[in-house]
Amino acid sequence: MSHACCGDPERQADHRSASPLRTADWLSLAASPTFAIMALLTSVLDSGSAEMLCSTMQGSLLSGMTTMYLLMSAFHSAPWLKLLARLGGGSKL
């Protein structure tokens, strides 16, 4: 059978395996902005009711959901940094 009419089976297999990888790459880019938005919404919409119940947590900079979401956003920023390095002409990471 000719590869011209039906396409190269090896190339189609590469395309099928690359598609989920591309989807995973784009999905990994969603984590950091999602956590940043959650931090913003938590800081704006949170009325402080949880802090009123837990008076022992006062004074700690690392307590609270807003801080947790900001840290998670920072920890998940690696895919964005890799994308910016590729777009900026830097070396491929």
PDB file of N, CA and C in Angstrom:
ATOM      1  N   MET A   1       0.838  -1.166   0.000  1.00  0.00           N
ATOM      2  CA  MET A   1       0.000   0.000   0.000  1.00  0.00           C
ATOM      3  C   MET A   1       0.888   1.235   0.000  1.00  0.00           C
ATOM      4  N   SER A   2       0.509   2.223  -0.727  1.00  0.00           N
ATOM      5  CA  SER A   2       1.289   3.439  -0.853  1.00  0.00           C
ATOM      6  C   SER A   2       1.130   4.318   0.384  1.00  0.00           C
ATOM      7  N   HIS A   3       2.244   4.912   0.846  1.00  0.00           N
ATOM      8  CA  HIS A   3       2.205   5.829   1.975  1.00  0.00           C
ATOM      9  C   HIS A   3       1.655   7.191   1.567  1.00  0.00           C
ATOM     10  N   ALA A   4       1.624   7.464   0.262  1.00  0.00           N
ATOM     11  CA  ALA A   4       1.158   8.767  -0.212  1.00  0.00           C
ATOM     12  C   ALA A   4      -0.336   8.936   0.006  1.00  0.00           C
ATOM     13  N   CYS A   5      -1.105   7.860  -0.161  1.00  0.00           N
ATOM     14  CA  CYS A   5      -2.558   8.005  -0.038  1.00  0.00           C
ATOM     15  C   CYS A   5      -3.024   7.939   1.414  1.00  0.00           C
ATOM     16  N   CYS A   6      -2.346   7.195   2.211  1.00  0.00           N
ATOM     17  CA  CYS A   6      -2.821   6.984   3.583  1.00  0.00           C
ATOM     18  C   CYS A   6      -1.933   7.633   4.636  1.00  0.00           C
ATOM     19  N   GLY A   7      -0.797   8.106   4.258  1.00  0.00           N
ATOM     20  CA  GLY A   7       0.107   8.700   5.228  1.00  0.00           C
ATOM     21  C   GLY A   7       1.035   7.662   5.820  1.00  0.00           C
ATOM     22  N   ASP A   8       2.102   8.129   6.372  1.00  0.00           N
ATOM     23  CA  ASP A   8       3.102   7.257   6.974  1.00  0.00           C
ATOM     24  C   ASP A   8       2.616   6.831   8.360  1.00  0.00           C
ATOM     25  N   PRO A   9       2.474   5.521   8.624  1.00  0.00           N
ATOM     26  CA  PRO A   9       1.980   5.065   9.922  1.00  0.00           C
ATOM     27  C   PRO A   9       2.875   5.487  11.083  1.00  0.00           C
ATOM     28  N   GLU A  10       4.192   5.520  10.848  1.00  0.00           N
ATOM     29  CA  GLU A  10       5.093   5.943  11.921  1.00  0.00           C
ATOM     30  C   GLU A  10       4.884   7.411  12.267  1.00  0.00           C
ATOM     31  N   ARG A  11       4.648   8.234  11.261  1.00  0.00           N
ATOM     32  CA  ARG A  11       4.413   9.658  11.489  1.00  0.00           C
ATOM     33  C   ARG A  11       3.091   9.861  12.221  1.00  0.00           C
ATOM     34  N   GLN A  12       2.070   9.068  11.886  1.00  0.00           N
ATOM     35  CA  GLN A  12       0.788   9.172  12.582  1.00  0.00           C
ATOM     36  C   GLN A  12       0.933   8.750  14.038  1.00  0.00           C
ATOM     37  N   ALA A  13       1.742   7.737  14.323  1.00  0.00           N
ATOM     38  CA  ALA A  13       1.969   7.305  15.702  1.00  0.00           C
ATOM     39  C   ALA A  13       2.684   8.399  16.482  1.00  0.00           C
ATOM     40  N   ASP A  14       3.656   9.072  15.839  1.00  0.00           N
ATOM     41  CA  ASP A  14       4.342  10.187  16.503  1.00  0.00           C
ATOM     42  C   ASP A  14       3.365  11.313  16.815  1.00  0.00           C
ATOM     43  N   HIS A  15       2.463  11.592  15.882  1.00  0.00           N
ATOM     44  CA  HIS A  15       1.476  12.653  16.078  1.00  0.00           C
ATOM     45  C   HIS A  15       0.534  12.316  17.231  1.00  0.00           C
ATOM     46  N   ARG A  16       0.123  11.049  17.334  1.00  0.00           N
ATOM     47  CA  ARG A  16      -0.788  10.647  18.414  1.00  0.00           C
ATOM     48  C   ARG A  16      -0.107  10.744  19.769  1.00  0.00           C
ATOM     49  N   SER A  17       1.166  10.386  19.858  1.00  0.00           N
ATOM     50  CA  SER A  17       1.858  10.455  21.139  1.00  0.00           C
ATOM     51  C   SER A  17       2.256  11.881  21.485  1.00  0.00           C
ATOM     52  N   ALA A  18       2.449  12.743  20.504  1.00  0.00           N
ATOM     53  CA  ALA A  18       2.842  14.125  20.769  1.00  0.00           C
ATOM     54  C   ALA A  18       1.654  14.971  21.220  1.00  0.00           C
ATOM     55  N   SER A  19       0.470  14.636  20.769  1.00  0.00           N
ATOM     56  CA  SER A  19      -0.700  15.431  21.120  1.00  0.00           C
ATOM     57  C   SER A  19      -0.976  15.453  22.617  1.00  0.00           C
ATOM     58  N   PRO A  20      -0.968  14.315  23.325  1.00  0.00           N
ATOM     59  CA  PRO A  20      -1.159  14.382  24.777  1.00  0.00           C
ATOM     60  C   PRO A  20      -0.033  15.132  25.482  1.00  0.00           C
ATOM     61  N   LEU A  21       1.181  15.046  24.930  1.00  0.00           N
ATOM     62  CA  LEU A  21       2.290  15.781  25.537  1.00  0.00           C
ATOM     63  C   LEU A  21       2.083  17.276  25.396  1.00  0.00           C
ATOM     64  N   ARG A  22       1.621  17.713  24.240  1.00  0.00           N
ATOM     65  CA  ARG A  22       1.337  19.139  24.054  1.00  0.00           C
ATOM     66  C   ARG A  22       0.217  19.585  24.971  1.00  0.00           C
ATOM     67  N   THR A  23      -0.791  18.752  25.146  1.00  0.00           N
ATOM     68  CA  THR A  23      -1.890  19.075  26.049  1.00  0.00           C
ATOM     69  C   THR A  23      -1.388  19.181  27.480  1.00  0.00           C
ATOM     70  N   ALA A  24      -0.520  18.281  27.880  1.00  0.00           N
ATOM     71  CA  ALA A  24       0.042  18.326  29.229  1.00  0.00           C
ATOM     72  C   ALA A  24       0.893  19.577  29.425  1.00  0.00           C
ATOM     73  N   ASP A  25       1.637  19.967  28.385  1.00  0.00           N
ATOM     74  CA  ASP A  25       2.433  21.193  28.476  1.00  0.00           C
ATOM     75  C   ASP A  25       1.541  22.409  28.691  1.00  0.00           C
ATOM     76  N   TRP A  26       0.466  22.498  27.922  1.00  0.00           N
ATOM     77  CA  TRP A  26      -0.439  23.640  28.078  1.00  0.00           C
ATOM     78  C   TRP A  26      -1.169  23.583  29.412  1.00  0.00           C
ATOM     79  N   LEU A  27      -1.491  22.398  29.870  1.00  0.00           N
ATOM     80  CA  LEU A  27      -2.164  22.261  31.156  1.00  0.00           C
ATOM     81  C   LEU A  27      -1.255  22.677  32.303  1.00  0.00           C
ATOM     82  N   SER A  28       0.038  22.383  32.170  1.00  0.00           N
ATOM     83  CA  SER A  28       0.975  22.785  33.226  1.00  0.00           C
ATOM     84  C   SER A  28       1.091  24.303  33.320  1.00  0.00           C
ATOM     85  N   LEU A  29       0.825  24.997  32.221  1.00  0.00           N
ATOM     86  CA  LEU A  29       0.847  26.459  32.247  1.00  0.00           C
ATOM     87  C   LEU A  29      -0.354  27.040  32.991  1.00  0.00           C
ATOM     88  N   ALA A  30      -1.386  26.248  33.197  1.00  0.00           N
ATOM     89  CA  ALA A  30      -2.595  26.749  33.856  1.00  0.00           C
ATOM     90  C   ALA A  30      -2.466  26.793  35.372  1.00  0.00           C
ATOM     91  N   ALA A  31      -1.558  26.043  35.955  1.00  0.00           N
ATOM     92  CA  ALA A  31      -1.491  25.931  37.417  1.00  0.00           C
ATOM     93  C   ALA A  31      -1.138  27.255  38.084  1.00  0.00           C
ATOM     94  N   SER A  32      -0.070  27.898  37.657  1.00  0.00           N
ATOM     95  CA  SER A  32       0.397  29.110  38.325  1.00  0.00           C
ATOM     96  C   SER A  32      -0.633  30.241  38.270  1.00  0.00           C
ATOM     97  N   PRO A  33      -1.203  30.569  37.100  1.00  0.00           N
ATOM     98  CA  PRO A  33      -2.208  31.624  37.083  1.00  0.00           C
ATOM     99  C   PRO A  33      -3.463  31.260  37.886  1.00  0.00           C
ATOM    100  N   THR A  34      -3.818  29.976  37.895  1.00  0.00           N
ATOM    101  CA  THR A  34      -4.990  29.556  38.660  1.00  0.00           C
ATOM    102  C   THR A  34      -4.773  29.799  40.145  1.00  0.00           C
ATOM    103  N   PHE A  35      -3.598  29.433  40.650  1.00  0.00           N
ATOM    104  CA  PHE A  35      -3.312  29.664  42.064  1.00  0.00           C
ATOM    105  C   PHE A  35      -3.215  31.156  42.373  1.00  0.00           C
ATOM    106  N   ALA A  36      -2.688  31.946  41.449  1.00  0.00           N
ATOM    107  CA  ALA A  36      -2.613  33.398  41.668  1.00  0.00           C
ATOM    108  C   ALA A  36      -4.013  34.001  41.738  1.00  0.00           C
ATOM    109  N   ILE A  37      -4.907  33.550  40.863  1.00  0.00           N
ATOM    110  CA  ILE A  37      -6.291  34.034  40.894  1.00  0.00           C
ATOM    111  C   ILE A  37      -6.974  33.604  42.183  1.00  0.00           C
ATOM    112  N   MET A  38      -6.720  32.370  42.616  1.00  0.00           N
ATOM    113  CA  MET A  38      -7.312  31.899  43.865  1.00  0.00           C
ATOM    114  C   MET A  38      -6.798  32.718  45.050  1.00  0.00           C
ATOM    115  N   ALA A  39      -5.511  33.098  45.033  1.00  0.00           N
ATOM    116  CA  ALA A  39      -4.966  33.939  46.099  1.00  0.00           C
ATOM    117  C   ALA A  39      -5.640  35.300  46.103  1.00  0.00           C
ATOM    118  N   LEU A  40      -5.818  35.872  44.920  1.00  0.00           N
ATOM    119  CA  LEU A  40      -6.475  37.171  44.816  1.00  0.00           C
ATOM    120  C   LEU A  40      -7.913  37.112  45.309  1.00  0.00           C
ATOM    121  N   LEU A  41      -8.647  36.095  44.851  1.00  0.00           N
ATOM    122  CA  LEU A  41     -10.037  35.957  45.281  1.00  0.00           C
ATOM    123  C   LEU A  41     -10.149  35.696  46.775  1.00  0.00           C
ATOM    124  N   THR A  42      -9.239  34.892  47.305  1.00  0.00           N
ATOM    125  CA  THR A  42      -9.271  34.601  48.736  1.00  0.00           C
ATOM    126  C   THR A  42      -8.995  35.856  49.549  1.00  0.00           C
ATOM    127  N   SER A  43      -8.032  36.660  49.099  1.00  0.00           N
ATOM    128  CA  SER A  43      -7.708  37.867  49.859  1.00  0.00           C
ATOM    129  C   SER A  43      -8.805  38.909  49.761  1.00  0.00           C
ATOM    130  N   VAL A  44      -9.496  38.977  48.614  1.00  0.00           N
ATOM    131  CA  VAL A  44     -10.560  39.966  48.431  1.00  0.00           C
ATOM    132  C   VAL A  44     -11.856  39.523  49.087  1.00  0.00           C
ATOM    133  N   LEU A  45     -12.210  38.246  48.924  1.00  0.00           N
ATOM    134  CA  LEU A  45     -13.513  37.775  49.380  1.00  0.00           C
ATOM    135  C   LEU A  45     -13.516  37.191  50.784  1.00  0.00           C
ATOM    136  N   ASP A  46     -12.337  36.901  51.345  1.00  0.00           N
ATOM    137  CA  ASP A  46     -12.280  36.275  52.663  1.00  0.00           C
ATOM    138  C   ASP A  46     -12.633  37.305  53.726  1.00  0.00           C
ATOM    139  N   SER A  47     -13.583  36.958  54.556  1.00  0.00           N
ATOM    140  CA  SER A  47     -14.029  37.884  55.606  1.00  0.00           C
ATOM    141  C   SER A  47     -13.243  37.708  56.892  1.00  0.00           C
ATOM    142  N   GLY A  48     -12.329  36.753  56.938  1.00  0.00           N
ATOM    143  CA  GLY A  48     -11.532  36.537  58.133  1.00  0.00           C
ATOM    144  C   GLY A  48     -12.217  35.678  59.169  1.00  0.00           C
ATOM    145  N   SER A  49     -13.253  34.966  58.799  1.00  0.00           N
ATOM    146  CA  SER A  49     -13.983  34.152  59.771  1.00  0.00           C
ATOM    147  C   SER A  49     -13.144  32.992  60.293  1.00  0.00           C
ATOM    148  N   ALA A  50     -12.296  32.424  59.453  1.00  0.00           N
ATOM    149  CA  ALA A  50     -11.451  31.314  59.911  1.00  0.00           C
ATOM    150  C   ALA A  50     -10.396  31.814  60.897  1.00  0.00           C
ATOM    151  N   GLU A  51      -9.854  33.004  60.664  1.00  0.00           N
ATOM    152  CA  GLU A  51      -8.859  33.544  61.576  1.00  0.00           C
ATOM    153  C   GLU A  51      -9.472  33.890  62.936  1.00  0.00           C
ATOM    154  N   MET A  52     -10.738  34.261  62.953  1.00  0.00           N
ATOM    155  CA  MET A  52     -11.390  34.573  64.219  1.00  0.00           C
ATOM    156  C   MET A  52     -11.555  33.314  65.059  1.00  0.00           C
ATOM    157  N   LEU A  53     -11.745  32.166  64.413  1.00  0.00           N
ATOM    158  CA  LEU A  53     -11.889  30.913  65.138  1.00  0.00           C
ATOM    159  C   LEU A  53     -10.549  30.415  65.680  1.00  0.00           C
ATOM    160  N   CYS A  54      -9.479  30.702  64.975  1.00  0.00           N
ATOM    161  CA  CYS A  54      -8.149  30.211  65.359  1.00  0.00           C
ATOM    162  C   CYS A  54      -7.295  31.393  65.801  1.00  0.00           C
ATOM    163  N   SER A  55      -7.441  31.800  67.021  1.00  0.00           N
ATOM    164  CA  SER A  55      -6.714  32.976  67.493  1.00  0.00           C
ATOM    165  C   SER A  55      -5.235  32.692  67.695  1.00  0.00           C
ATOM    166  N   THR A  56      -4.823  31.425  67.771  1.00  0.00           N
ATOM    167  CA  THR A  56      -3.407  31.108  67.982  1.00  0.00           C
ATOM    168  C   THR A  56      -2.569  31.324  66.734  1.00  0.00           C
ATOM    169  N   MET A  57      -3.190  31.474  65.573  1.00  0.00           N
ATOM    170  CA  MET A  57      -2.447  31.626  64.333  1.00  0.00           C
ATOM    171  C   MET A  57      -2.113  33.081  64.028  1.00  0.00           C
ATOM    172  N   GLN A  58      -2.443  33.992  64.882  1.00  0.00           N
ATOM    173  CA  GLN A  58      -2.170  35.398  64.631  1.00  0.00           C
ATOM    174  C   GLN A  58      -0.674  35.656  64.655  1.00  0.00           C
ATOM    175  N   GLY A  59      -0.218  36.532  63.779  1.00  0.00           N
ATOM    176  CA  GLY A  59       1.176  36.930  63.771  1.00  0.00           C
ATOM    177  C   GLY A  59       2.073  36.143  62.834  1.00  0.00           C
ATOM    178  N   SER A  60       1.668  35.009  62.366  1.00  0.00           N
ATOM    179  CA  SER A  60       2.502  34.218  61.464  1.00  0.00           C
ATOM    180  C   SER A  60       2.287  34.674  60.027  1.00  0.00           C
ATOM    181  N   LEU A  61       3.385  34.983  59.339  1.00  0.00           N
ATOM    182  CA  LEU A  61       3.282  35.414  57.948  1.00  0.00           C
ATOM    183  C   LEU A  61       2.944  34.263  57.002  1.00  0.00           C
ATOM    184  N   LEU A  62       3.230  33.039  57.416  1.00  0.00           N
ATOM    185  CA  LEU A  62       2.990  31.891  56.542  1.00  0.00           C
ATOM    186  C   LEU A  62       1.658  31.215  56.812  1.00  0.00           C
ATOM    187  N   SER A  63       0.807  31.823  57.586  1.00  0.00           N
ATOM    188  CA  SER A  63      -0.509  31.231  57.828  1.00  0.00           C
ATOM    189  C   SER A  63      -1.521  31.874  56.878  1.00  0.00           C
ATOM    190  N   GLY A  64      -2.562  31.171  56.635  1.00  0.00           N
ATOM    191  CA  GLY A  64      -3.624  31.707  55.786  1.00  0.00           C
ATOM    192  C   GLY A  64      -3.611  31.129  54.392  1.00  0.00           C
ATOM    193  N   MET A  65      -4.776  31.114  53.804  1.00  0.00           N
ATOM    194  CA  MET A  65      -4.949  30.529  52.477  1.00  0.00           C
ATOM    195  C   MET A  65      -4.324  31.396  51.384  1.00  0.00           C
ATOM    196  N   THR A  66      -4.364  32.710  51.536  1.00  0.00           N
ATOM    197  CA  THR A  66      -3.794  33.582  50.514  1.00  0.00           C
ATOM    198  C   THR A  66      -2.300  33.314  50.351  1.00  0.00           C
ATOM    199  N   THR A  67      -1.597  33.216  51.463  1.00  0.00           N
ATOM    200  CA  THR A  67      -0.165  32.936  51.408  1.00  0.00           C
ATOM    201  C   THR A  67       0.100  31.566  50.790  1.00  0.00           C
ATOM    202  N   MET A  68      -0.716  30.588  51.147  1.00  0.00           N
ATOM    203  CA  MET A  68      -0.544  29.251  50.591  1.00  0.00           C
ATOM    204  C   MET A  68      -0.711  29.266  49.072  1.00  0.00           C
ATOM    205  N   TYR A  69      -1.749  29.964  48.585  1.00  0.00           N
ATOM    206  CA  TYR A  69      -1.965  30.029  47.143  1.00  0.00           C
ATOM    207  C   TYR A  69      -0.848  30.792  46.436  1.00  0.00           C
ATOM    208  N   LEU A  70      -0.319  31.840  47.059  1.00  0.00           N
ATOM    209  CA  LEU A  70       0.800  32.570  46.460  1.00  0.00           C
ATOM    210  C   LEU A  70       2.043  31.689  46.366  1.00  0.00           C
ATOM    211  N   LEU A  71       2.309  30.928  47.413  1.00  0.00           N
ATOM    212  CA  LEU A  71       3.457  30.010  47.377  1.00  0.00           C
ATOM    213  C   LEU A  71       3.256  28.922  46.327  1.00  0.00           C
ATOM    214  N   MET A  72       2.051  28.394  46.219  1.00  0.00           N
ATOM    215  CA  MET A  72       1.786  27.362  45.207  1.00  0.00           C
ATOM    216  C   MET A  72       1.945  27.942  43.801  1.00  0.00           C
ATOM    217  N   SER A  73       1.525  29.180  43.616  1.00  0.00           N
ATOM    218  CA  SER A  73       1.691  29.840  42.325  1.00  0.00           C
ATOM    219  C   SER A  73       3.174  29.989  41.989  1.00  0.00           C
ATOM    220  N   ALA A  74       3.965  30.365  42.974  1.00  0.00           N
ATOM    221  CA  ALA A  74       5.411  30.510  42.751  1.00  0.00           C
ATOM    222  C   ALA A  74       6.058  29.164  42.449  1.00  0.00           C
ATOM    223  N   PHE A  75       5.674  28.122  43.171  1.00  0.00           N
ATOM    224  CA  PHE A  75       6.273  26.803  42.964  1.00  0.00           C
ATOM    225  C   PHE A  75       5.890  26.195  41.614  1.00  0.00           C
ATOM    226  N   HIS A  76       4.759  26.596  41.057  1.00  0.00           N
ATOM    227  CA  HIS A  76       4.310  26.065  39.765  1.00  0.00           C
ATOM    228  C   HIS A  76       4.659  26.999  38.605  1.00  0.00           C
ATOM    229  N   SER A  77       5.559  27.936  38.804  1.00  0.00           N
ATOM    230  CA  SER A  77       5.897  28.889  37.750  1.00  0.00           C
ATOM    231  C   SER A  77       6.983  28.381  36.791  1.00  0.00           C
ATOM    232  N   ALA A  78       7.556  27.228  37.040  1.00  0.00           N
ATOM    233  CA  ALA A  78       8.632  26.699  36.182  1.00  0.00           C
ATOM    234  C   ALA A  78       8.223  26.562  34.711  1.00  0.00           C
ATOM    235  N   PRO A  79       7.029  26.051  34.379  1.00  0.00           N
ATOM    236  CA  PRO A  79       6.670  25.977  32.960  1.00  0.00           C
ATOM    237  C   PRO A  79       6.624  27.352  32.286  1.00  0.00           C
ATOM    238  N   TRP A  80       6.194  28.377  33.019  1.00  0.00           N
ATOM    239  CA  TRP A  80       6.175  29.727  32.461  1.00  0.00           C
ATOM    240  C   TRP A  80       7.591  30.241  32.221  1.00  0.00           C
ATOM    241  N   LEU A  81       8.485  29.962  33.153  1.00  0.00           N
ATOM    242  CA  LEU A  81       9.867  30.401  32.992  1.00  0.00           C
ATOM    243  C   LEU A  81      10.528  29.709  31.808  1.00  0.00           C
ATOM    244  N   LYS A  82      10.241  28.416  31.614  1.00  0.00           N
ATOM    245  CA  LYS A  82      10.781  27.689  30.464  1.00  0.00           C
ATOM    246  C   LYS A  82      10.236  28.258  29.158  1.00  0.00           C
ATOM    247  N   LEU A  83       8.929  28.566  29.126  1.00  0.00           N
ATOM    248  CA  LEU A  83       8.315  29.125  27.923  1.00  0.00           C
ATOM    249  C   LEU A  83       8.911  30.487  27.615  1.00  0.00           C
ATOM    250  N   LEU A  84       9.084  31.318  28.613  1.00  0.00           N
ATOM    251  CA  LEU A  84       9.675  32.647  28.388  1.00  0.00           C
ATOM    252  C   LEU A  84      11.114  32.542  27.918  1.00  0.00           C
ATOM    253  N   ALA A  85      11.848  31.560  28.430  1.00  0.00           N
ATOM    254  CA  ALA A  85      13.235  31.374  27.991  1.00  0.00           C
ATOM    255  C   ALA A  85      13.279  30.949  26.520  1.00  0.00           C
ATOM    256  N   ARG A  86      12.351  30.081  26.118  1.00  0.00           N
ATOM    257  CA  ARG A  86      12.312  29.650  24.710  1.00  0.00           C
ATOM    258  C   ARG A  86      11.904  30.783  23.796  1.00  0.00           C
ATOM    259  N   LEU A  87      10.903  31.567  24.212  1.00  0.00           N
ATOM    260  CA  LEU A  87      10.426  32.678  23.377  1.00  0.00           C
ATOM    261  C   LEU A  87      11.435  33.809  23.315  1.00  0.00           C
ATOM    262  N   GLY A  88      12.210  33.976  24.383  1.00  0.00           N
ATOM    263  CA  GLY A  88      13.185  35.038  24.426  1.00  0.00           C
ATOM    264  C   GLY A  88      14.483  34.711  23.717  1.00  0.00           C
ATOM    265  N   GLY A  89      14.578  33.545  23.148  1.00  0.00           N
ATOM    266  CA  GLY A  89      15.782  33.162  22.410  1.00  0.00           C
ATOM    267  C   GLY A  89      16.862  32.581  23.295  1.00  0.00           C
ATOM    268  N   GLY A  90      16.517  32.272  24.546  1.00  0.00           N
ATOM    269  CA  GLY A  90      17.493  31.669  25.451  1.00  0.00           C
ATOM    270  C   GLY A  90      17.723  30.221  25.096  1.00  0.00           C
ATOM    271  N   SER A  91      18.592  29.582  25.822  1.00  0.00           N
ATOM    272  CA  SER A  91      18.878  28.181  25.562  1.00  0.00           C
ATOM    273  C   SER A  91      17.680  27.339  25.951  1.00  0.00           C
ATOM    274  N   LYS A  92      17.511  26.219  25.276  1.00  0.00           N
ATOM    275  CA  LYS A  92      16.381  25.334  25.532  1.00  0.00           C
ATOM    276  C   LYS A  92      16.614  24.597  26.832  1.00  0.00           C
ATOM    277  N   LEU A  93      15.635  24.687  27.752  1.00  0.00           N
ATOM    278  CA  LEU A  93      15.748  24.051  29.065  1.00  0.00           C
ATOM    279  C   LEU A  93      15.173  22.667  29.064  1.00  0.00           C
TER     280      LEU A  93
END
